[in-house]
N, C-alpha and C. Protein backbone atom coordinates (compact mmCIF):
# COMPACT_ATOMS: atom_id res chain seq x y z
N PRO A 1 0.70 -1.14 0.10
CA PRO A 1 -0.06 0.27 0.00
C PRO A 1 0.94 1.42 0.17
N GLN A 2 0.06 2.44 -0.40
CA GLN A 2 0.99 3.47 -0.94
C GLN A 2 1.17 3.69 0.89
N ALA A 3 2.08 4.82 1.50
CA ALA A 3 2.15 5.43 2.51
C ALA A 3 1.32 6.56 2.36
N GLU A 4 0.48 6.99 3.52
CA GLU A 4 -0.52 7.82 4.20
C GLU A 4 0.57 9.18 3.67
N LEU A 5 -0.28 10.35 2.98
CA LEU A 5 0.42 11.46 3.06
C LEU A 5 -1.06 12.41 2.63
N PRO A 6 -1.12 13.21 4.00
CA PRO A 6 -2.25 13.87 4.32
C PRO A 6 -2.14 15.42 3.74
N CYS A 7 -0.74 15.95 2.64
CA CYS A 7 -0.47 16.86 2.15
C CYS A 7 0.68 17.13 1.47
N TYR A 8 0.81 17.16 0.05
CA TYR A 8 2.06 17.28 -0.52
C TYR A 8 1.98 18.52 -1.57
N LEU A 9 2.96 19.58 -1.60
CA LEU A 9 3.01 20.45 -2.86
C LEU A 9 4.53 20.60 -2.70
N GLN A 10 5.13 20.38 -3.39
CA GLN A 10 6.31 20.68 -3.87
C GLN A 10 6.92 21.96 -3.36
N ASN A 11 8.01 22.15 -2.84
CA ASN A 11 8.53 23.31 -2.20
C ASN A 11 7.80 24.43 -1.56
N ALA A 12 6.80 23.32 -1.08
CA ALA A 12 5.65 24.07 0.89
C ALA A 12 6.67 24.72 1.50
N ILE A 13 6.18 25.48 2.19
CA ILE A 13 7.00 25.68 3.17
C ILE A 13 6.58 24.98 4.51
N PHE A 14 5.19 24.70 4.87
CA PHE A 14 4.66 23.70 5.30
C PHE A 14 3.31 22.74 4.60
N THR A 15 3.12 21.78 5.59
CA THR A 15 1.83 20.79 5.31
C THR A 15 1.47 21.01 6.25
N THR A 16 0.03 20.25 6.17
CA THR A 16 -0.21 19.86 7.17
C THR A 16 -0.78 18.46 7.66
N GLY A 17 -1.57 17.97 8.36
CA GLY A 17 -1.27 16.38 8.38
C GLY A 17 -2.70 16.25 10.11
N GLY A 18 -2.29 15.28 10.85
CA GLY A 18 -3.07 15.07 11.79
C GLY A 18 -1.93 14.37 12.86
N GLY A 19 -2.69 13.48 13.61
CA GLY A 19 -1.87 12.90 14.75
C GLY A 19 -2.44 12.01 15.80
N PHE A 20 -1.73 11.86 16.93
CA PHE A 20 -2.66 11.29 18.31
C PHE A 20 -2.00 12.05 19.49
N SER A 21 -2.82 12.77 20.44
CA SER A 21 -2.34 13.16 21.58
C SER A 21 -1.27 12.42 21.93
N GLN A 22 -0.08 12.72 22.66
CA GLN A 22 0.56 11.94 24.06
C GLN A 22 -0.20 12.59 25.37
N VAL A 23 -1.27 13.59 25.67
CA VAL A 23 -1.79 13.98 26.95
C VAL A 23 -3.12 13.76 26.72
N GLU A 24 -4.15 14.13 26.12
CA GLU A 24 -5.22 13.89 25.89
C GLU A 24 -6.17 12.75 26.09
N PRO A 25 -7.00 12.12 26.49
CA PRO A 25 -7.32 10.43 26.29
C PRO A 25 -8.38 10.51 25.32
N GLN A 26 -8.51 9.93 24.42
CA GLN A 26 -10.02 9.58 23.74
C GLN A 26 -10.77 9.77 23.85
N PRO A 27 -12.11 10.86 23.39
CA PRO A 27 -13.31 11.13 23.44
C PRO A 27 -13.90 9.79 22.90
N ALA A 28 -15.06 9.72 23.68
CA ALA A 28 -15.79 8.68 22.57
C ALA A 28 -16.48 8.48 21.14
N TYR A 29 -16.92 9.59 20.95
CA TYR A 29 -17.01 10.13 19.68
C TYR A 29 -15.85 9.88 18.93
N GLN A 30 -15.01 9.67 19.00
CA GLN A 30 -13.74 9.50 17.79
C GLN A 30 -13.31 7.98 17.90
N GLN A 31 -14.08 6.93 18.74
CA GLN A 31 -13.49 5.54 18.70
C GLN A 31 -13.80 5.10 18.03
N ALA A 32 -15.26 5.01 17.08
CA ALA A 32 -15.42 4.01 16.02
C ALA A 32 -14.47 4.42 14.81
N ALA A 33 -14.36 5.79 14.84
CA ALA A 33 -13.77 6.67 13.72
C ALA A 33 -12.34 6.32 13.42
N VAL A 34 -11.44 6.25 14.87
CA VAL A 34 -10.03 5.78 14.99
C VAL A 34 -10.11 4.58 14.71
N ALA A 35 -10.82 3.18 15.35
CA ALA A 35 -10.22 2.43 14.85
C ALA A 35 -10.40 1.87 13.28
N HIS A 36 -11.53 2.33 13.00
CA HIS A 36 -11.64 1.92 11.43
C HIS A 36 -10.49 2.82 10.69
N TYR A 37 -9.74 3.63 11.01
CA TYR A 37 -8.55 3.99 10.66
C TYR A 37 -7.47 3.30 10.94
N LEU A 38 -7.22 3.11 12.01
CA LEU A 38 -6.28 2.16 12.32
C LEU A 38 -6.33 0.71 11.63
N SER A 39 -7.41 -0.20 11.58
CA SER A 39 -7.99 -1.32 11.08
C SER A 39 -7.67 -1.14 9.15
N SER A 40 -7.64 -0.09 8.67
CA SER A 40 -7.63 -0.11 7.32
C SER A 40 -6.39 -0.24 6.67
N ASN A 41 -6.20 -0.31 5.34
CA ASN A 41 -5.16 -0.57 4.76
C ASN A 41 -4.27 0.29 3.97
N ILE A 42 -3.42 1.16 5.52
CA ILE A 42 -3.19 2.49 5.20
C ILE A 42 -1.29 2.07 5.88
N SER A 43 -0.36 2.62 5.63
CA SER A 43 1.03 2.64 6.16
C SER A 43 1.05 3.56 7.03
N ILE A 44 1.08 3.31 8.59
CA ILE A 44 1.68 4.44 9.38
C ILE A 44 2.57 3.90 10.05
N PRO A 45 3.27 4.70 11.06
CA PRO A 45 4.58 4.48 11.95
C PRO A 45 4.19 3.41 12.80
N PRO A 46 5.04 2.89 13.55
CA PRO A 46 5.18 1.65 14.12
C PRO A 46 3.94 2.30 15.31
N SER A 47 3.91 1.05 16.34
CA SER A 47 2.85 1.61 17.64
C SER A 47 3.68 2.42 18.49
N SER A 48 5.02 2.15 18.60
CA SER A 48 5.98 2.79 19.56
C SER A 48 6.26 4.21 19.40
N LYS A 49 5.43 4.78 18.22
CA LYS A 49 5.78 6.05 17.86
C LYS A 49 4.94 7.06 17.80
N PHE A 50 3.48 6.31 18.14
CA PHE A 50 2.19 7.10 18.78
C PHE A 50 1.50 6.24 19.69
N ASN A 51 0.53 7.09 20.45
CA ASN A 51 -0.80 6.47 21.27
C ASN A 51 -1.86 6.56 20.71
N ARG A 52 -1.84 5.09 19.79
CA ARG A 52 -3.15 5.00 19.39
C ARG A 52 -4.48 5.10 20.28
N THR A 53 -4.71 4.85 21.52
CA THR A 53 -5.48 5.01 22.35
C THR A 53 -5.47 6.58 22.19
N ASN A 54 -4.88 7.10 22.28
CA ASN A 54 -5.30 9.08 23.19
C ASN A 54 -6.25 9.33 21.43
N ARG A 55 -6.39 10.76 22.22
CA ARG A 55 -7.38 11.77 20.96
C ARG A 55 -6.88 11.77 20.27
N GLY A 56 -7.27 11.34 18.61
CA GLY A 56 -6.76 11.96 17.50
C GLY A 56 -7.05 13.54 17.18
N TYR A 57 -6.27 13.92 16.26
CA TYR A 57 -6.67 15.30 16.50
C TYR A 57 -5.49 15.62 14.73
N PRO A 58 -6.50 16.16 13.74
CA PRO A 58 -7.52 17.24 14.08
C PRO A 58 -9.02 16.71 14.32
N ASP A 59 -9.70 17.14 14.91
CA ASP A 59 -11.56 16.36 14.42
C ASP A 59 -11.89 17.39 13.17
N ILE A 60 -11.26 18.06 12.40
CA ILE A 60 -11.73 18.85 11.14
C ILE A 60 -10.63 19.97 10.71
N GLY A 61 -10.63 20.27 9.26
CA GLY A 61 -9.31 21.33 8.94
C GLY A 61 -9.56 22.08 7.62
N ALA A 62 -8.90 22.50 7.61
CA ALA A 62 -9.35 23.78 6.71
C ALA A 62 -7.90 23.97 5.96
N ILE A 63 -8.08 24.55 4.56
CA ILE A 63 -7.12 25.66 3.53
C ILE A 63 -6.16 26.18 4.98
N GLY A 64 -4.99 25.82 4.90
CA GLY A 64 -4.02 26.55 5.67
C GLY A 64 -2.88 27.09 5.38
N GLN A 65 -2.48 27.57 3.51
CA GLN A 65 -1.57 28.01 3.09
C GLN A 65 -1.95 28.58 1.80
N ASN A 66 -1.64 30.10 1.80
CA ASN A 66 -1.96 30.99 0.63
C ASN A 66 -3.17 31.48 0.41
N VAL A 67 -3.73 31.71 1.86
CA VAL A 67 -5.64 31.76 2.40
C VAL A 67 -5.00 33.69 2.07
N LEU A 68 -6.49 34.09 1.04
CA LEU A 68 -5.98 35.25 0.95
C LEU A 68 -7.01 36.11 1.93
N ILE A 69 -6.41 37.51 2.12
CA ILE A 69 -7.35 38.13 3.13
C ILE A 69 -7.48 39.36 3.05
N VAL A 70 -7.78 40.46 3.83
CA VAL A 70 -7.79 41.68 3.62
C VAL A 70 -7.49 41.84 5.25
N MET A 71 -6.62 42.99 5.38
CA MET A 71 -5.55 43.26 6.57
C MET A 71 -5.42 45.36 6.35
N GLY A 72 -5.96 45.41 7.40
CA GLY A 72 -5.44 47.31 7.00
C GLY A 72 -6.22 48.09 5.67
N GLY A 73 -7.25 47.09 5.05
CA GLY A 73 -7.83 47.56 3.84
C GLY A 73 -6.83 46.99 2.42
N MET A 74 -6.03 46.33 3.13
CA MET A 74 -4.99 45.73 2.24
C MET A 74 -5.01 44.39 1.55
N TRP A 75 -4.96 43.65 0.02
CA TRP A 75 -5.19 41.88 0.19
C TRP A 75 -3.97 41.91 0.56
N GLN A 76 -4.05 40.48 1.23
CA GLN A 76 -2.81 39.82 1.43
C GLN A 76 -2.78 38.41 1.21
N VAL A 77 -1.36 37.33 1.35
CA VAL A 77 -1.37 36.19 1.32
C VAL A 77 -0.81 35.79 2.93
N THR A 78 -1.63 34.76 3.68
CA THR A 78 -1.22 34.20 4.80
C THR A 78 -1.11 32.81 4.38
N GLY A 79 -1.28 32.30 6.05
CA GLY A 79 -0.92 30.72 6.17
C GLY A 79 -0.95 30.19 7.77
N GLY A 80 -1.49 28.93 7.76
CA GLY A 80 -1.26 28.70 8.96
C GLY A 80 -2.55 28.43 9.64
N THR A 81 -2.34 27.67 11.49
CA THR A 81 -3.60 27.41 11.86
C THR A 81 -4.31 29.42 12.30
N SER A 82 -3.59 30.28 12.01
CA SER A 82 -4.52 31.64 12.62
C SER A 82 -5.28 31.96 10.81
N ALA A 83 -5.18 30.95 9.84
CA ALA A 83 -5.85 31.75 8.78
C ALA A 83 -6.76 30.57 8.87
N SER A 84 -6.24 28.77 9.11
CA SER A 84 -7.75 28.27 8.37
C SER A 84 -8.79 28.18 9.65
N THR A 85 -8.05 29.01 11.01
CA THR A 85 -9.43 28.27 11.94
C THR A 85 -10.62 29.47 12.47
N PRO A 86 -10.02 30.89 11.65
CA PRO A 86 -11.59 31.48 11.29
C PRO A 86 -11.90 30.97 9.90
N ILE A 87 -11.31 30.01 9.36
CA ILE A 87 -12.64 29.76 8.08
C ILE A 87 -13.47 28.64 8.53
N VAL A 88 -12.78 27.85 9.65
CA VAL A 88 -14.02 26.66 10.17
C VAL A 88 -14.60 27.57 10.90
N ALA A 89 -14.72 28.39 11.75
CA ALA A 89 -15.42 29.17 12.80
C ALA A 89 -16.59 29.97 11.78
N GLY A 90 -16.56 30.76 10.59
CA GLY A 90 -17.13 31.26 9.99
C GLY A 90 -17.83 30.18 9.15
N VAL A 91 -17.50 28.94 8.94
CA VAL A 91 -18.57 27.81 8.21
C VAL A 91 -19.59 27.61 9.43
N PHE A 92 -19.07 27.48 10.70
CA PHE A 92 -19.80 27.03 11.58
C PHE A 92 -20.64 28.45 12.27
N THR A 93 -20.62 29.43 11.95
CA THR A 93 -21.27 30.89 12.05
C THR A 93 -22.18 30.53 10.89
N LEU A 94 -21.70 30.02 9.74
CA LEU A 94 -23.27 30.81 8.54
C LEU A 94 -23.97 29.63 8.36
N ILE A 95 -23.77 28.13 9.21
CA ILE A 95 -24.94 27.21 9.17
C ILE A 95 -25.98 27.39 10.43
N ASN A 96 -25.05 27.67 11.53
CA ASN A 96 -26.10 28.39 12.70
C ASN A 96 -26.70 29.25 12.27
N ASP A 97 -26.20 30.15 12.01
CA ASP A 97 -27.07 31.35 11.38
C ASP A 97 -28.19 30.82 10.51
N TRP A 98 -27.79 30.24 9.56
CA TRP A 98 -29.28 29.74 8.78
C TRP A 98 -30.13 28.54 9.54
N LEU A 99 -29.59 27.99 10.48
CA LEU A 99 -30.32 27.37 11.08
C LEU A 99 -31.26 27.81 12.26
N LEU A 100 -30.87 28.65 12.45
CA LEU A 100 -32.09 29.95 13.55
C LEU A 100 -32.71 30.31 13.05
N ASN A 101 -32.20 31.23 11.57
CA ASN A 101 -33.37 31.63 10.82
C ASN A 101 -34.24 30.84 9.97
N LYS A 102 -34.33 29.41 10.41
CA LYS A 102 -35.15 28.27 9.93
C LYS A 102 -35.75 27.73 11.27
N GLY A 103 -35.31 28.72 12.16
CA GLY A 103 -36.65 28.29 13.36
C GLY A 103 -35.35 26.88 14.57
N LYS A 104 -34.60 26.46 13.68
CA LYS A 104 -34.09 25.31 14.48
C LYS A 104 -32.73 25.47 15.06
N ALA A 105 -32.38 24.54 15.93
CA ALA A 105 -31.31 24.34 16.77
C ALA A 105 -29.80 24.77 16.39
N GLN A 106 -28.85 25.36 17.25
CA GLN A 106 -28.02 25.62 16.44
C GLN A 106 -27.11 24.46 16.90
N LEU A 107 -25.74 23.95 16.23
CA LEU A 107 -24.85 22.89 15.94
C LEU A 107 -24.97 22.48 17.56
N GLY A 108 -23.82 23.16 18.17
CA GLY A 108 -23.52 23.05 19.81
C GLY A 108 -22.46 22.27 19.34
N PHE A 109 -21.64 22.01 20.51
CA PHE A 109 -20.27 20.88 19.92
C PHE A 109 -20.42 20.36 19.14
N VAL A 110 -19.92 20.75 17.73
CA VAL A 110 -19.55 20.00 16.82
C VAL A 110 -18.72 19.01 16.41
N ASN A 111 -17.39 18.98 17.29
CA ASN A 111 -16.52 17.66 16.91
C ASN A 111 -17.39 16.39 16.75
N PRO A 112 -18.10 16.05 17.80
CA PRO A 112 -18.68 14.56 17.31
C PRO A 112 -19.67 14.57 16.01
N LEU A 113 -20.03 15.86 15.38
CA LEU A 113 -20.86 15.62 14.23
C LEU A 113 -19.94 14.95 12.99
């Protein structure tokens, strides 16, 4: 099988990926997805290199490189968690706004979704 490659861009400054926490226990809502992932036919590091019973991360991801923003009235390109986190927050804000306008409940804690 081909090795897992979360992101690849030739000459990229950084890539993105995920892993397992060395500190945080795995929440119940991740157990089925993590078990399925670890039992799939993928190439992963030896089990001595990560704690497969702890929390997997991230729960969600967004583009993190070459993100177009406006800062101080000027268009700029940026990247990193400080760019992708507001994208995710904005998406959930738009979904919650739509739900509220339809008289429905907000999403609440979205990680299990």
